[in-house]
């Protein structure tokens, strides 16, 4: 269970790092507005899931 926690933490941190470093270059619909559910959250979630898949493949 500890290993899964660390994998998830690494994936979320890496996904957020990628998203927030390229957010200003994304179209306006893909940029996240604070306190709103929008497409930016979906893009961020997708990046975190992709990072989780990469972390699982490496291990």
Protein backbone atom coordinates (compact mmCIF):
# COMPACT_ATOMS: atom_id res chain seq x y z
CA UNK A 1 0.00 0.00 0.00
CA UNK A 2 2.88 2.37 0.71
CA UNK A 3 4.32 1.76 -2.75
CA UNK A 4 1.02 2.66 -4.41
CA UNK A 5 0.87 5.90 -2.39
CA UNK A 6 4.34 6.94 -3.53
CA UNK A 7 3.57 6.07 -7.15
CA UNK A 8 0.41 8.16 -7.01
CA UNK A 9 2.18 11.06 -5.33
CA UNK A 10 4.96 11.08 -7.93
CA UNK A 11 2.40 10.93 -10.75
CA UNK A 12 0.31 13.81 -9.37
CA UNK A 13 3.35 15.99 -8.73
CA UNK A 14 4.81 15.28 -12.17
CA UNK A 15 1.45 15.81 -13.91
CA UNK A 16 0.88 19.13 -12.15
CA UNK A 17 4.44 20.23 -12.85
CA UNK A 18 3.98 19.53 -16.56
CA UNK A 19 0.53 21.15 -16.69
CA UNK A 20 1.44 24.35 -14.87
CA UNK A 21 4.66 24.76 -16.84
CA UNK A 22 2.81 24.64 -20.19
CA UNK A 23 -0.51 26.17 -19.11
CA UNK A 24 0.22 29.60 -20.56
CA UNK A 25 0.81 28.05 -24.00
CA UNK A 26 -2.47 26.11 -24.01
CA UNK A 27 -5.67 27.45 -25.58
CA UNK A 28 -7.90 29.47 -23.24
CA UNK A 29 -10.39 26.60 -22.85
CA UNK A 30 -7.61 24.31 -21.59
CA UNK A 31 -6.40 26.80 -18.97
CA UNK A 32 -7.73 26.33 -15.46
CA UNK A 33 -9.69 29.05 -13.64
CA UNK A 34 -9.58 28.99 -9.85
CA UNK A 35 -12.62 27.56 -8.05
CA UNK A 36 -14.27 26.34 -11.27
CA UNK A 37 -14.77 22.96 -12.86
CA UNK A 38 -13.52 23.44 -16.39
CA UNK A 39 -11.55 21.80 -19.20
CA UNK A 40 -8.29 22.79 -17.53
CA UNK A 41 -9.03 20.33 -14.75
CA UNK A 42 -9.69 17.62 -17.31
CA UNK A 43 -6.38 18.30 -19.06
CA UNK A 44 -4.57 18.29 -15.71
CA UNK A 45 -6.25 15.01 -14.72
CA UNK A 46 -5.32 13.42 -18.03
CA UNK A 47 -1.67 14.43 -17.59
CA UNK A 48 -1.61 13.00 -14.07
CA UNK A 49 -3.09 9.73 -15.32
CA UNK A 50 -0.54 9.56 -18.14
CA UNK A 51 2.26 10.13 -15.62
CA UNK A 52 0.82 7.38 -13.41
CA UNK A 53 0.87 4.99 -16.36
CA UNK A 54 4.49 5.90 -17.08
CA UNK A 55 5.46 5.38 -13.43
CA UNK A 56 3.74 1.98 -13.46
CA UNK A 57 5.57 0.98 -16.65
CA UNK A 58 8.95 1.99 -15.21
CA UNK A 59 8.39 -0.09 -12.11
